PDB file of N, CA and C in Angstrom:
ATOM      1  N   UNK A   1      69.568 144.603 104.122  1.00  0.00           N
ATOM      2  CA  UNK A   1      69.181 143.767 105.330  1.00  0.00           C
ATOM      3  C   UNK A   1      69.813 144.344 106.561  1.00  0.00           C
ATOM      4  N   UNK A   2      69.086 144.447 107.626  1.00  0.00           N
ATOM      5  CA  UNK A   2      69.673 145.031 108.880  1.00  0.00           C
ATOM      6  C   UNK A   2      70.338 143.882 109.681  1.00  0.00           C
ATOM      7  N   UNK A   3      71.448 144.280 110.358  1.00  0.00           N
ATOM      8  CA  UNK A   3      72.126 143.393 111.257  1.00  0.00           C
ATOM      9  C   UNK A   3      71.716 143.576 112.719  1.00  0.00           C
ATOM     10  N   UNK A   4      70.678 144.381 112.937  1.00  0.00           N
ATOM     11  CA  UNK A   4      70.086 144.536 114.249  1.00  0.00           C
ATOM     12  C   UNK A   4      69.310 143.286 114.690  1.00  0.00           C
ATOM     13  N   UNK A   5      69.473 142.840 115.930  1.00  0.00           N
ATOM     14  CA  UNK A   5      68.720 141.780 116.381  1.00  0.00           C
ATOM     15  C   UNK A   5      68.245 142.174 117.806  1.00  0.00           C
ATOM     16  N   UNK A   6      67.368 141.315 118.378  1.00  0.00           N
ATOM     17  CA  UNK A   6      67.002 141.468 119.775  1.00  0.00           C
ATOM     18  C   UNK A   6      68.116 141.182 120.544  1.00  0.00           C
ATOM     19  N   UNK A   7      68.279 142.041 121.678  1.00  0.00           N
ATOM     20  CA  UNK A   7      69.503 141.848 122.466  1.00  0.00           C
ATOM     21  C   UNK A   7      69.428 140.494 123.327  1.00  0.00           C
ATOM     22  N   UNK A   8      70.602 139.884 123.456  1.00  0.00           N
ATOM     23  CA  UNK A   8      70.780 138.727 124.241  1.00  0.00           C
ATOM     24  C   UNK A   8      70.604 139.212 125.722  1.00  0.00           C
ATOM     25  N   UNK A   9      69.816 138.513 126.415  1.00  0.00           N
ATOM     26  CA  UNK A   9      69.511 138.733 127.936  1.00  0.00           C
ATOM     27  C   UNK A   9      70.333 137.644 128.697  1.00  0.00           C
ATOM     28  N   UNK A  10      71.133 137.979 129.597  1.00  0.00           N
ATOM     29  CA  UNK A  10      71.773 136.926 130.388  1.00  0.00           C
ATOM     30  C   UNK A  10      72.691 137.497 131.519  1.00  0.00           C
ATOM     31  N   UNK A  11      72.847 136.781 132.517  1.00  0.00           N
ATOM     32  CA  UNK A  11      73.708 137.111 133.628  1.00  0.00           C
ATOM     33  C   UNK A  11      75.014 137.415 133.239  1.00  0.00           C
ATOM     34  N   UNK A  12      75.612 138.522 133.628  1.00  0.00           N
ATOM     35  CA  UNK A  12      77.032 138.875 133.280  1.00  0.00           C
ATOM     36  C   UNK A  12      77.278 139.588 131.880  1.00  0.00           C
ATOM     37  N   UNK A  13      76.080 139.718 131.113  1.00  0.00           N
ATOM     38  CA  UNK A  13      76.214 140.416 129.875  1.00  0.00           C
ATOM     39  C   UNK A  13      76.549 141.912 130.139  1.00  0.00           C
ATOM     40  N   UNK A  14      77.373 142.613 129.381  1.00  0.00           N
ATOM     41  CA  UNK A  14      77.445 144.121 129.429  1.00  0.00           C
ATOM     42  C   UNK A  14      76.364 144.548 128.529  1.00  0.00           C
ATOM     43  N   UNK A  15      75.472 145.386 129.080  1.00  0.00           N
ATOM     44  CA  UNK A  15      74.239 145.791 128.448  1.00  0.00           C
ATOM     45  C   UNK A  15      74.118 147.333 128.251  1.00  0.00           C
ATOM     46  N   UNK A  16      74.697 148.117 128.998  1.00  0.00           N
ATOM     47  CA  UNK A  16      74.473 149.543 129.017  1.00  0.00           C
ATOM     48  C   UNK A  16      75.769 150.415 129.222  1.00  0.00           C
ATOM     49  N   UNK A  17      75.932 151.459 128.548  1.00  0.00           N
ATOM     50  CA  UNK A  17      77.160 152.225 128.635  1.00  0.00           C
ATOM     51  C   UNK A  17      76.660 153.769 128.651  1.00  0.00           C
ATOM     52  N   UNK A  18      77.302 154.560 129.707  1.00  0.00           N
ATOM     53  CA  UNK A  18      77.019 155.898 129.759  1.00  0.00           C
ATOM     54  C   UNK A  18      78.360 156.658 129.386  1.00  0.00           C
ATOM     55  N   UNK A  19      78.285 157.343 128.200  1.00  0.00           N
ATOM     56  CA  UNK A  19      79.510 157.954 127.713  1.00  0.00           C
ATOM     57  C   UNK A  19      79.430 159.487 128.059  1.00  0.00           C
ATOM     58  N   UNK A  20      80.428 160.030 128.715  1.00  0.00           N
ATOM     59  CA  UNK A  20      80.543 161.355 129.090  1.00  0.00           C
ATOM     60  C   UNK A  20      80.685 162.207 127.756  1.00  0.00           C
ATOM     61  N   UNK A  21      79.852 163.355 127.719  1.00  0.00           N
ATOM     62  CA  UNK A  21      79.827 164.209 126.491  1.00  0.00           C
ATOM     63  C   UNK A  21      79.766 165.704 126.816  1.00  0.00           C
ATOM     64  N   UNK A  22      80.521 166.454 126.068  1.00  0.00           N
ATOM     65  CA  UNK A  22      80.507 167.902 126.158  1.00  0.00           C
ATOM     66  C   UNK A  22      79.313 168.469 125.538  1.00  0.00           C
ATOM     67  N   UNK A  23      78.711 167.750 124.492  1.00  0.00           N
ATOM     68  CA  UNK A  23      77.571 168.196 123.732  1.00  0.00           C
ATOM     69  C   UNK A  23      76.922 166.875 123.219  1.00  0.00           C
ATOM     70  N   UNK A  24      75.763 166.600 123.589  1.00  0.00           N
ATOM     71  CA  UNK A  24      75.026 165.401 123.308  1.00  0.00           C
ATOM     72  C   UNK A  24      74.710 165.266 121.763  1.00  0.00           C
ATOM     73  N   UNK A  25      74.282 166.352 121.241  1.00  0.00           N
ATOM     74  CA  UNK A  25      74.115 166.392 119.670  1.00  0.00           C
ATOM     75  C   UNK A  25      75.334 165.994 118.975  1.00  0.00           C
ATOM     76  N   UNK A  26      76.473 166.691 119.417  1.00  0.00           N
ATOM     77  CA  UNK A  26      77.810 166.377 118.672  1.00  0.00           C
ATOM     78  C   UNK A  26      78.259 164.929 118.900  1.00  0.00           C
ATOM     79  N   UNK A  27      78.115 164.374 120.033  1.00  0.00           N
ATOM     80  CA  UNK A  27      78.433 163.044 120.344  1.00  0.00           C
ATOM     81  C   UNK A  27      77.575 162.050 119.499  1.00  0.00           C
ATOM     82  N   UNK A  28      76.246 162.228 119.552  1.00  0.00           N
ATOM     83  CA  UNK A  28      75.347 161.318 118.851  1.00  0.00           C
ATOM     84  C   UNK A  28      75.657 161.306 117.356  1.00  0.00           C
ATOM     85  N   UNK A  29      75.942 162.506 116.861  1.00  0.00           N
ATOM     86  CA  UNK A  29      76.171 162.583 115.393  1.00  0.00           C
ATOM     87  C   UNK A  29      77.452 161.883 115.159  1.00  0.00           C
ATOM     88  N   UNK A  30      78.621 161.995 115.981  1.00  0.00           N
ATOM     89  CA  UNK A  30      79.826 161.391 115.794  1.00  0.00           C
ATOM     90  C   UNK A  30      79.750 159.901 115.707  1.00  0.00           C
ATOM     91  N   UNK A  31      79.030 159.303 116.698  1.00  0.00           N
ATOM     92  CA  UNK A  31      78.889 157.790 116.832  1.00  0.00           C
ATOM     93  C   UNK A  31      78.024 157.263 115.710  1.00  0.00           C
ATOM     94  N   UNK A  32      77.011 158.047 115.410  1.00  0.00           N
ATOM     95  CA  UNK A  32      76.057 157.611 114.208  1.00  0.00           C
ATOM     96  C   UNK A  32      76.914 157.620 112.951  1.00  0.00           C
ATOM     97  N   UNK A  33      77.683 158.742 112.791  1.00  0.00           N
ATOM     98  CA  UNK A  33      78.491 158.751 111.495  1.00  0.00           C
ATOM     99  C   UNK A  33      79.522 157.731 111.263  1.00  0.00           C
ATOM    100  N   UNK A  34      80.141 157.448 112.415  1.00  0.00           N
ATOM    101  CA  UNK A  34      81.321 156.501 112.348  1.00  0.00           C
ATOM    102  C   UNK A  34      80.905 154.923 112.422  1.00  0.00           C
ATOM    103  N   UNK A  35      80.057 154.739 113.397  1.00  0.00           N
ATOM    104  CA  UNK A  35      79.660 153.335 113.607  1.00  0.00           C
ATOM    105  C   UNK A  35      78.234 152.887 113.279  1.00  0.00           C
ATOM    106  N   UNK A  36      77.390 153.937 112.763  1.00  0.00           N
ATOM    107  CA  UNK A  36      76.053 153.540 112.409  1.00  0.00           C
ATOM    108  C   UNK A  36      75.237 153.237 113.616  1.00  0.00           C
ATOM    109  N   UNK A  37      75.581 153.663 114.770  1.00  0.00           N
ATOM    110  CA  UNK A  37      74.645 153.439 115.883  1.00  0.00           C
ATOM    111  C   UNK A  37      73.361 154.071 115.819  1.00  0.00           C
ATOM    112  N   UNK A  38      72.331 153.416 116.243  1.00  0.00           N
ATOM    113  CA  UNK A  38      70.950 153.843 116.123  1.00  0.00           C
ATOM    114  C   UNK A  38      70.796 154.762 117.377  1.00  0.00           C
ATOM    115  N   UNK A  39      70.553 156.077 116.969  1.00  0.00           N
ATOM    116  CA  UNK A  39      70.291 157.086 117.934  1.00  0.00           C
ATOM    117  C   UNK A  39      68.763 157.318 118.161  1.00  0.00           C
ATOM    118  N   UNK A  40      68.302 157.400 119.375  1.00  0.00           N
ATOM    119  CA  UNK A  40      66.877 157.519 119.510  1.00  0.00           C
ATOM    120  C   UNK A  40      66.648 158.377 120.895  1.00  0.00           C
ATOM    121  N   UNK A  41      65.307 158.787 121.017  1.00  0.00           N
ATOM    122  CA  UNK A  41      64.862 159.496 122.213  1.00  0.00           C
ATOM    123  C   UNK A  41      64.176 158.591 123.071  1.00  0.00           C
ATOM    124  N   UNK A  42      64.678 158.475 124.305  1.00  0.00           N
ATOM    125  CA  UNK A  42      63.975 157.656 125.352  1.00  0.00           C
ATOM    126  C   UNK A  42      62.696 158.308 125.741  1.00  0.00           C
ATOM    127  N   UNK A  43      61.891 157.578 126.548  1.00  0.00           N
ATOM    128  CA  UNK A  43      60.684 158.035 127.077  1.00  0.00           C
ATOM    129  C   UNK A  43      60.835 159.242 127.950  1.00  0.00           C
ATOM    130  N   UNK A  44      61.927 159.381 128.636  1.00  0.00           N
ATOM    131  CA  UNK A  44      62.295 160.446 129.536  1.00  0.00           C
ATOM    132  C   UNK A  44      62.835 161.703 128.781  1.00  0.00           C
ATOM    133  N   UNK A  45      62.961 161.638 127.488  1.00  0.00           N
ATOM    134  CA  UNK A  45      63.473 162.699 126.618  1.00  0.00           C
ATOM    135  C   UNK A  45      64.985 162.634 126.412  1.00  0.00           C
ATOM    136  N   UNK A  46      65.720 161.851 127.100  1.00  0.00           N
ATOM    137  CA  UNK A  46      67.208 161.738 126.883  1.00  0.00           C
ATOM    138  C   UNK A  46      67.494 161.084 125.625  1.00  0.00           C
ATOM    139  N   UNK A  47      68.576 161.405 125.012  1.00  0.00           N
ATOM    140  CA  UNK A  47      69.216 160.851 123.843  1.00  0.00           C
ATOM    141  C   UNK A  47      69.867 159.565 124.159  1.00  0.00           C
ATOM    142  N   UNK A  48      69.532 158.457 123.504  1.00  0.00           N
ATOM    143  CA  UNK A  48      70.137 157.097 123.781  1.00  0.00           C
ATOM    144  C   UNK A  48      70.655 156.586 122.527  1.00  0.00           C
ATOM    145  N   UNK A  49      71.396 155.472 122.638  1.00  0.00           N
ATOM    146  CA  UNK A  49      71.804 154.788 121.383  1.00  0.00           C
ATOM    147  C   UNK A  49      71.801 153.197 121.624  1.00  0.00           C
ATOM    148  N   UNK A  50      71.768 152.536 120.508  1.00  0.00           N
ATOM    149  CA  UNK A  50      71.906 151.071 120.491  1.00  0.00           C
ATOM    150  C   UNK A  50      73.117 150.858 119.542  1.00  0.00           C
ATOM    151  N   UNK A  51      73.986 149.982 119.862  1.00  0.00           N
ATOM    152  CA  UNK A  51      75.228 149.716 119.095  1.00  0.00           C
ATOM    153  C   UNK A  51      74.733 149.061 117.723  1.00  0.00           C
ATOM    154  N   UNK A  52      75.707 148.851 116.821  1.00  0.00           N
ATOM    155  CA  UNK A  52      75.429 148.445 115.465  1.00  0.00           C
ATOM    156  C   UNK A  52      74.777 147.159 115.242  1.00  0.00           C
ATOM    157  N   UNK A  53      74.679 146.310 116.303  1.00  0.00           N
ATOM    158  CA  UNK A  53      74.014 145.028 116.183  1.00  0.00           C
ATOM    159  C   UNK A  53      72.900 144.935 117.203  1.00  0.00           C
ATOM    160  N   UNK A  54      72.523 145.980 117.959  1.00  0.00           N
ATOM    161  CA  UNK A  54      71.481 146.003 118.806  1.00  0.00           C
ATOM    162  C   UNK A  54      71.731 145.183 120.106  1.00  0.00           C
ATOM    163  N   UNK A  55      72.910 145.021 120.510  1.00  0.00           N
ATOM    164  CA  UNK A  55      73.209 144.152 121.731  1.00  0.00           C
ATOM    165  C   UNK A  55      73.588 145.136 122.981  1.00  0.00           C
ATOM    166  N   UNK A  56      74.088 146.265 122.749  1.00  0.00           N
ATOM    167  CA  UNK A  56      74.408 147.209 123.820  1.00  0.00           C
ATOM    168  C   UNK A  56      73.691 148.529 123.700  1.00  0.00           C
ATOM    169  N   UNK A  57      73.182 149.009 124.704  1.00  0.00           N
ATOM    170  CA  UNK A  57      72.468 150.329 124.626  1.00  0.00           C
ATOM    171  C   UNK A  57      73.253 151.317 125.598  1.00  0.00           C
ATOM    172  N   UNK A  58      72.861 152.573 125.443  1.00  0.00           N
ATOM    173  CA  UNK A  58      73.526 153.541 126.386  1.00  0.00           C
ATOM    174  C   UNK A  58      73.064 154.859 126.185  1.00  0.00           C
ATOM    175  N   UNK A  59      73.622 155.883 126.715  1.00  0.00           N
ATOM    176  CA  UNK A  59      73.338 157.228 126.554  1.00  0.00           C
ATOM    177  C   UNK A  59      74.624 158.099 126.752  1.00  0.00           C
ATOM    178  N   UNK A  60      74.465 159.445 126.510  1.00  0.00           N
ATOM    179  CA  UNK A  60      75.521 160.304 126.678  1.00  0.00           C
ATOM    180  C   UNK A  60      75.195 161.188 127.876  1.00  0.00           C
ATOM    181  N   UNK A  61      76.216 161.567 128.742  1.00  0.00           N
ATOM    182  CA  UNK A  61      76.003 162.211 129.927  1.00  0.00           C
ATOM    183  C   UNK A  61      76.860 163.519 129.841  1.00  0.00           C
ATOM    184  N   UNK A  62      76.302 164.724 130.115  1.00  0.00           N
ATOM    185  CA  UNK A  62      76.944 165.993 130.211  1.00  0.00           C
ATOM    186  C   UNK A  62      77.500 166.262 131.608  1.00  0.00           C
ATOM    187  N   UNK A  63      77.187 165.412 132.614  1.00  0.00           N
ATOM    188  CA  UNK A  63      77.441 165.675 134.044  1.00  0.00           C
ATOM    189  C   UNK A  63      78.635 164.678 134.442  1.00  0.00           C
ATOM    190  N   UNK A  64      79.253 164.210 133.501  1.00  0.00           N
ATOM    191  CA  UNK A  64      80.509 163.292 133.776  1.00  0.00           C
ATOM    192  C   UNK A  64      81.694 163.832 133.069  1.00  0.00           C
ATOM    193  N   UNK A  65      82.994 163.569 133.520  1.00  0.00           N
ATOM    194  CA  UNK A  65      84.118 163.860 132.868  1.00  0.00           C
ATOM    195  C   UNK A  65      84.528 162.825 131.859  1.00  0.00           C
ATOM    196  N   UNK A  66      85.072 163.206 130.706  1.00  0.00           N
ATOM    197  CA  UNK A  66      85.457 162.204 129.764  1.00  0.00           C
ATOM    198  C   UNK A  66      86.603 161.307 130.349  1.00  0.00           C
ATOM    199  N   UNK A  67      86.560 160.008 129.776  1.00  0.00           N
ATOM    200  CA  UNK A  67      87.564 159.105 130.040  1.00  0.00           C
ATOM    201  C   UNK A  67      88.896 159.266 129.196  1.00  0.00           C
ATOM    202  N   UNK A  68      89.657 160.256 129.538  1.00  0.00           N
ATOM    203  CA  UNK A  68      90.681 160.728 128.650  1.00  0.00           C
ATOM    204  C   UNK A  68      92.001 159.946 128.915  1.00  0.00           C
ATOM    205  N   UNK A  69      92.031 159.230 130.011  1.00  0.00           N
ATOM    206  CA  UNK A  69      93.301 158.345 130.288  1.00  0.00           C
ATOM    207  C   UNK A  69      92.823 156.860 130.124  1.00  0.00           C
ATOM    208  N   UNK A  70      93.714 156.108 129.692  1.00  0.00           N
ATOM    209  CA  UNK A  70      93.387 154.670 129.479  1.00  0.00           C
ATOM    210  C   UNK A  70      93.442 154.061 130.844  1.00  0.00           C
ATOM    211  N   UNK A  71      92.291 153.477 131.219  1.00  0.00           N
ATOM    212  CA  UNK A  71      92.082 152.630 132.414  1.00  0.00           C
ATOM    213  C   UNK A  71      91.382 151.547 131.855  1.00  0.00           C
ATOM    214  N   UNK A  72      89.993 151.382 132.162  1.00  0.00           N
ATOM    215  CA  UNK A  72      89.264 150.359 131.476  1.00  0.00           C
ATOM    216  C   UNK A  72      89.101 150.888 129.969  1.00  0.00           C
ATOM    217  N   UNK A  73      89.194 149.995 129.142  1.00  0.00           N
ATOM    218  CA  UNK A  73      89.212 150.352 127.716  1.00  0.00           C
ATOM    219  C   UNK A  73      88.089 149.537 126.970  1.00  0.00           C
ATOM    220  N   UNK A  74      87.092 150.231 126.463  1.00  0.00           N
ATOM    221  CA  UNK A  74      86.059 149.513 125.675  1.00  0.00           C
ATOM    222  C   UNK A  74      86.489 149.570 124.205  1.00  0.00           C
ATOM    223  N   UNK A  75      86.470 148.417 123.522  1.00  0.00           N
ATOM    224  CA  UNK A  75      86.811 148.380 122.134  1.00  0.00           C
ATOM    225  C   UNK A  75      85.423 148.166 121.241  1.00  0.00           C
ATOM    226  N   UNK A  76      85.346 148.793 120.208  1.00  0.00           N
ATOM    227  CA  UNK A  76      84.270 148.828 119.261  1.00  0.00           C
ATOM    228  C   UNK A  76      84.772 147.991 118.010  1.00  0.00           C
ATOM    229  N   UNK A  77      84.001 147.031 117.701  1.00  0.00           N
ATOM    230  CA  UNK A  77      84.376 146.204 116.555  1.00  0.00           C
ATOM    231  C   UNK A  77      84.113 146.849 115.249  1.00  0.00           C
ATOM    232  N   UNK A  78      84.952 146.765 114.301  1.00  0.00           N
ATOM    233  CA  UNK A  78      84.718 147.487 112.900  1.00  0.00           C
ATOM    234  C   UNK A  78      85.081 146.518 111.731  1.00  0.00           C
ATOM    235  N   UNK A  79      84.355 146.756 110.659  1.00  0.00           N
ATOM    236  CA  UNK A  79      84.527 145.878 109.497  1.00  0.00           C
ATOM    237  C   UNK A  79      85.934 146.284 108.778  1.00  0.00           C
ATOM    238  N   UNK A  80      86.182 147.641 108.748  1.00  0.00           N
ATOM    239  CA  UNK A  80      87.320 148.040 107.945  1.00  0.00           C
ATOM    240  C   UNK A  80      88.168 149.151 108.758  1.00  0.00           C
ATOM    241  N   UNK A  81      89.201 148.845 109.433  1.00  0.00           N
ATOM    242  CA  UNK A  81      89.917 149.710 110.309  1.00  0.00           C
ATOM    243  C   UNK A  81      90.354 150.908 109.517  1.00  0.00           C
ATOM    244  N   UNK A  82      90.940 150.937 108.433  1.00  0.00           N
ATOM    245  CA  UNK A  82      91.347 152.110 107.771  1.00  0.00           C
ATOM    246  C   UNK A  82      90.281 153.103 107.409  1.00  0.00           C
ATOM    247  N   UNK A  83      89.142 152.647 106.932  1.00  0.00           N
ATOM    248  CA  UNK A  83      88.002 153.386 106.623  1.00  0.00           C
ATOM    249  C   UNK A  83      87.479 154.082 107.926  1.00  0.00           C
ATOM    250  N   UNK A  84      87.484 153.386 108.999  1.00  0.00           N
ATOM    251  CA  UNK A  84      86.993 153.794 110.361  1.00  0.00           C
ATOM    252  C   UNK A  84      87.900 154.903 110.847  1.00  0.00           C
ATOM    253  N   UNK A  85      89.183 154.654 110.732  1.00  0.00           N
ATOM    254  CA  UNK A  85      90.168 155.657 111.179  1.00  0.00           C
ATOM    255  C   UNK A  85      89.978 157.026 110.446  1.00  0.00           C
ATOM    256  N   UNK A  86      89.759 156.904 109.040  1.00  0.00           N
ATOM    257  CA  UNK A  86      89.509 158.126 108.355  1.00  0.00           C
ATOM    258  C   UNK A  86      88.229 158.878 108.765  1.00  0.00           C
ATOM    259  N   UNK A  87      87.237 158.117 108.999  1.00  0.00           N
ATOM    260  CA  UNK A  87      85.932 158.635 109.446  1.00  0.00           C
ATOM    261  C   UNK A  87      86.030 159.377 110.729  1.00  0.00           C
ATOM    262  N   UNK A  88      86.785 158.764 111.576  1.00  0.00           N
ATOM    263  CA  UNK A  88      87.089 159.359 112.985  1.00  0.00           C
ATOM    264  C   UNK A  88      87.713 160.720 112.825  1.00  0.00           C
ATOM    265  N   UNK A  89      88.802 160.789 111.978  1.00  0.00           N
ATOM    266  CA  UNK A  89      89.513 162.029 111.767  1.00  0.00           C
ATOM    267  C   UNK A  89      88.640 163.029 111.127  1.00  0.00           C
ATOM    268  N   UNK A  90      87.858 162.512 110.141  1.00  0.00           N
ATOM    269  CA  UNK A  90      86.959 163.451 109.274  1.00  0.00           C
ATOM    270  C   UNK A  90      85.831 164.133 110.210  1.00  0.00           C
ATOM    271  N   UNK A  91      85.423 163.443 111.287  1.00  0.00           N
ATOM    272  CA  UNK A  91      84.408 163.841 112.123  1.00  0.00           C
ATOM    273  C   UNK A  91      84.809 164.382 113.546  1.00  0.00           C
ATOM    274  N   UNK A  92      86.130 164.865 113.514  1.00  0.00           N
ATOM    275  CA  UNK A  92      86.599 165.541 114.754  1.00  0.00           C
ATOM    276  C   UNK A  92      87.302 164.649 115.778  1.00  0.00           C
ATOM    277  N   UNK A  93      87.443 163.447 115.629  1.00  0.00           N
ATOM    278  CA  UNK A  93      88.150 162.574 116.543  1.00  0.00           C
ATOM    279  C   UNK A  93      89.641 162.538 116.257  1.00  0.00           C
ATOM    280  N   UNK A  94      90.436 162.002 117.162  1.00  0.00           N
ATOM    281  CA  UNK A  94      91.871 161.848 116.924  1.00  0.00           C
ATOM    282  C   UNK A  94      92.275 160.425 117.186  1.00  0.00           C
ATOM    283  N   UNK A  95      93.386 159.995 116.450  1.00  0.00           N
ATOM    284  CA  UNK A  95      93.812 158.684 116.607  1.00  0.00           C
ATOM    285  C   UNK A  95      94.942 158.839 117.706  1.00  0.00           C
ATOM    286  N   UNK A  96      94.929 158.101 118.725  1.00  0.00           N
ATOM    287  CA  UNK A  96      95.875 158.169 119.863  1.00  0.00           C
ATOM    288  C   UNK A  96      96.809 156.995 119.893  1.00  0.00           C
ATOM    289  N   UNK A  97      96.478 155.881 119.278  1.00  0.00           N
ATOM    290  CA  UNK A  97      97.197 154.687 119.055  1.00  0.00           C
ATOM    291  C   UNK A  97      96.945 154.062 117.697  1.00  0.00           C
ATOM    292  N   UNK A  98      98.005 154.104 116.812  1.00  0.00           N
ATOM    293  CA  UNK A  98      97.699 153.594 115.434  1.00  0.00           C
ATOM    294  C   UNK A  98      97.764 152.067 115.350  1.00  0.00           C
ATOM    295  N   UNK A  99      97.231 151.609 114.286  1.00  0.00           N
ATOM    296  CA  UNK A  99      97.148 150.184 114.066  1.00  0.00           C
ATOM    297  C   UNK A  99      98.667 149.605 114.147  1.00  0.00           C
ATOM    298  N   UNK A 100      98.690 148.449 114.711  1.00  0.00           N
ATOM    299  CA  UNK A 100     100.082 147.711 114.714  1.00  0.00           C
ATOM    300  C   UNK A 100     100.656 147.600 116.087  1.00  0.00           C
ATOM    301  N   UNK A 101     100.177 148.442 117.079  1.00  0.00           N
ATOM    302  CA  UNK A 101     100.783 148.448 118.351  1.00  0.00           C
ATOM    303  C   UNK A 101     100.599 147.083 119.197  1.00  0.00           C
ATOM    304  N   UNK A 102      99.290 146.326 118.778  1.00  0.00           N
ATOM    305  CA  UNK A 102      98.990 145.236 119.472  1.00  0.00           C
ATOM    306  C   UNK A 102      99.051 143.995 118.594  1.00  0.00           C
ATOM    307  N   UNK A 103      99.945 144.054 117.491  1.00  0.00           N
ATOM    308  CA  UNK A 103     100.064 143.027 116.622  1.00  0.00           C
ATOM    309  C   UNK A 103     100.273 141.648 117.315  1.00  0.00           C
ATOM    310  N   UNK A 104      99.703 140.623 116.824  1.00  0.00           N
ATOM    311  CA  UNK A 104      99.030 140.541 115.555  1.00  0.00           C
ATOM    312  C   UNK A 104      97.533 140.885 115.540  1.00  0.00           C
ATOM    313  N   UNK A 105      97.073 141.337 116.745  1.00  0.00           N
ATOM    314  CA  UNK A 105      95.605 141.860 116.741  1.00  0.00           C
ATOM    315  C   UNK A 105      95.588 143.194 115.959  1.00  0.00           C
ATOM    316  N   UNK A 106      94.407 143.400 115.200  1.00  0.00           N
ATOM    317  CA  UNK A 106      94.164 144.618 114.479  1.00  0.00           C
ATOM    318  C   UNK A 106      93.441 145.504 115.343  1.00  0.00           C
ATOM    319  N   UNK A 107      94.082 146.495 116.020  1.00  0.00           N
ATOM    320  CA  UNK A 107      93.459 147.319 116.920  1.00  0.00           C
ATOM    321  C   UNK A 107      94.054 148.744 116.669  1.00  0.00           C
ATOM    322  N   UNK A 108      93.362 149.765 117.243  1.00  0.00           N
ATOM    323  CA  UNK A 108      93.771 151.057 117.258  1.00  0.00           C
ATOM    324  C   UNK A 108      92.984 151.809 118.445  1.00  0.00           C
ATOM    325  N   UNK A 109      93.461 152.940 118.876  1.00  0.00           N
ATOM    326  CA  UNK A 109      92.724 153.657 119.906  1.00  0.00           C
ATOM    327  C   UNK A 109      92.388 155.127 119.381  1.00  0.00           C
ATOM    328  N   UNK A 110      91.255 155.727 119.700  1.00  0.00           N
ATOM    329  CA  UNK A 110      90.933 157.021 119.302  1.00  0.00           C
ATOM    330  C   UNK A 110      90.320 157.797 120.418  1.00  0.00           C
ATOM    331  N   UNK A 111      90.377 159.098 120.263  1.00  0.00           N
ATOM    332  CA  UNK A 111      89.646 160.011 121.160  1.00  0.00           C
ATOM    333  C   UNK A 111      88.535 160.580 120.443  1.00  0.00           C
ATOM    334  N   UNK A 112      87.308 160.584 121.100  1.00  0.00           N
ATOM    335  CA  UNK A 112      86.237 161.223 120.506  1.00  0.00           C
ATOM    336  C   UNK A 112      86.198 162.765 120.714  1.00  0.00           C
ATOM    337  N   UNK A 113      85.291 163.475 120.144  1.00  0.00           N
ATOM    338  CA  UNK A 113      85.384 165.044 120.269  1.00  0.00           C
ATOM    339  C   UNK A 113      85.263 165.495 121.641  1.00  0.00           C
ATOM    340  N   UNK A 114      84.628 164.719 122.611  1.00  0.00           N
ATOM    341  CA  UNK A 114      84.561 165.074 124.020  1.00  0.00           C
ATOM    342  C   UNK A 114      85.658 164.724 124.839  1.00  0.00           C
ATOM    343  N   UNK A 115      86.650 163.902 124.292  1.00  0.00           N
ATOM    344  CA  UNK A 115      87.858 163.520 124.984  1.00  0.00           C
ATOM    345  C   UNK A 115      87.906 162.132 125.510  1.00  0.00           C
ATOM    346  N   UNK A 116      86.917 161.317 125.243  1.00  0.00           N
ATOM    347  CA  UNK A 116      86.901 159.909 125.596  1.00  0.00           C
ATOM    348  C   UNK A 116      87.787 159.108 124.806  1.00  0.00           C
ATOM    349  N   UNK A 117      88.546 158.062 125.378  1.00  0.00           N
ATOM    350  CA  UNK A 117      89.227 157.191 124.572  1.00  0.00           C
ATOM    351  C   UNK A 117      88.666 155.805 124.565  1.00  0.00           C
ATOM    352  N   UNK A 118      88.467 155.343 123.305  1.00  0.00           N
ATOM    353  CA  UNK A 118      87.944 154.044 123.093  1.00  0.00           C
ATOM    354  C   UNK A 118      88.934 153.203 122.170  1.00  0.00           C
ATOM    355  N   UNK A 119      88.871 151.885 122.176  1.00  0.00           N
ATOM    356  CA  UNK A 119      89.607 151.114 121.178  1.00  0.00           C
ATOM    357  C   UNK A 119      88.702 150.675 119.991  1.00  0.00           C
ATOM    358  N   UNK A 120      89.475 150.330 119.000  1.00  0.00           N
ATOM    359  CA  UNK A 120      88.775 149.667 117.833  1.00  0.00           C
ATOM    360  C   UNK A 120      89.398 148.248 117.652  1.00  0.00           C
ATOM    361  N   UNK A 121      88.654 147.385 117.134  1.00  0.00           N
ATOM    362  CA  UNK A 121      88.999 146.064 117.001  1.00  0.00           C
ATOM    363  C   UNK A 121      88.458 145.628 115.637  1.00  0.00           C
ATOM    364  N   UNK A 122      89.434 145.079 114.752  1.00  0.00           N
ATOM    365  CA  UNK A 122      88.947 144.437 113.468  1.00  0.00           C
ATOM    366  C   UNK A 122      89.293 142.871 113.357  1.00  0.00           C
ATOM    367  N   UNK A 123      88.264 142.093 113.085  1.00  0.00           N
ATOM    368  CA  UNK A 123      88.543 140.615 113.009  1.00  0.00           C
ATOM    369  C   UNK A 123      89.576 140.489 111.845  1.00  0.00           C
ATOM    370  N   UNK A 124      90.627 139.566 112.102  1.00  0.00           N
ATOM    371  CA  UNK A 124      91.542 139.284 111.037  1.00  0.00           C
ATOM    372  C   UNK A 124      90.791 138.572 109.866  1.00  0.00           C
ATOM    373  N   UNK A 125      91.338 138.734 108.651  1.00  0.00           N
ATOM    374  CA  UNK A 125      90.794 138.084 107.563  1.00  0.00           C
ATOM    375  C   UNK A 125      90.965 136.561 107.633  1.00  0.00           C
ATOM    376  N   UNK A 126      89.965 135.826 107.233  1.00  0.00           N
ATOM    377  CA  UNK A 126      90.084 134.407 107.307  1.00  0.00           C
ATOM    378  C   UNK A 126      90.869 133.911 106.081  1.00  0.00           C
TER     379      UNK A 126
END
């Protein structure tokens, strides 16, 4: 069963992200392998993605510098933090903040192969 749904439309919703990339194929493979993002070809030929639940779309851009310093930080929700951290390392990413630094929240930060830093967030067990 797919967890993809039609995106929610509404004022103020974050809907589109452009991620700097040194190599679009490398980046699309990384995010597909780690998070299961749906990678697709847009009508203009650009490679685009939809997040794991079909609510946020975006693309990779080779004409932008990576966000290698933490300023605005986007967090990606994950089901299993430890499994995700292993996948990140196995696919060329690095962990820049381990789990536990934002306790009691379950978070970590990683750098993708292009140098962008993102956060990870896992819902606590009920």
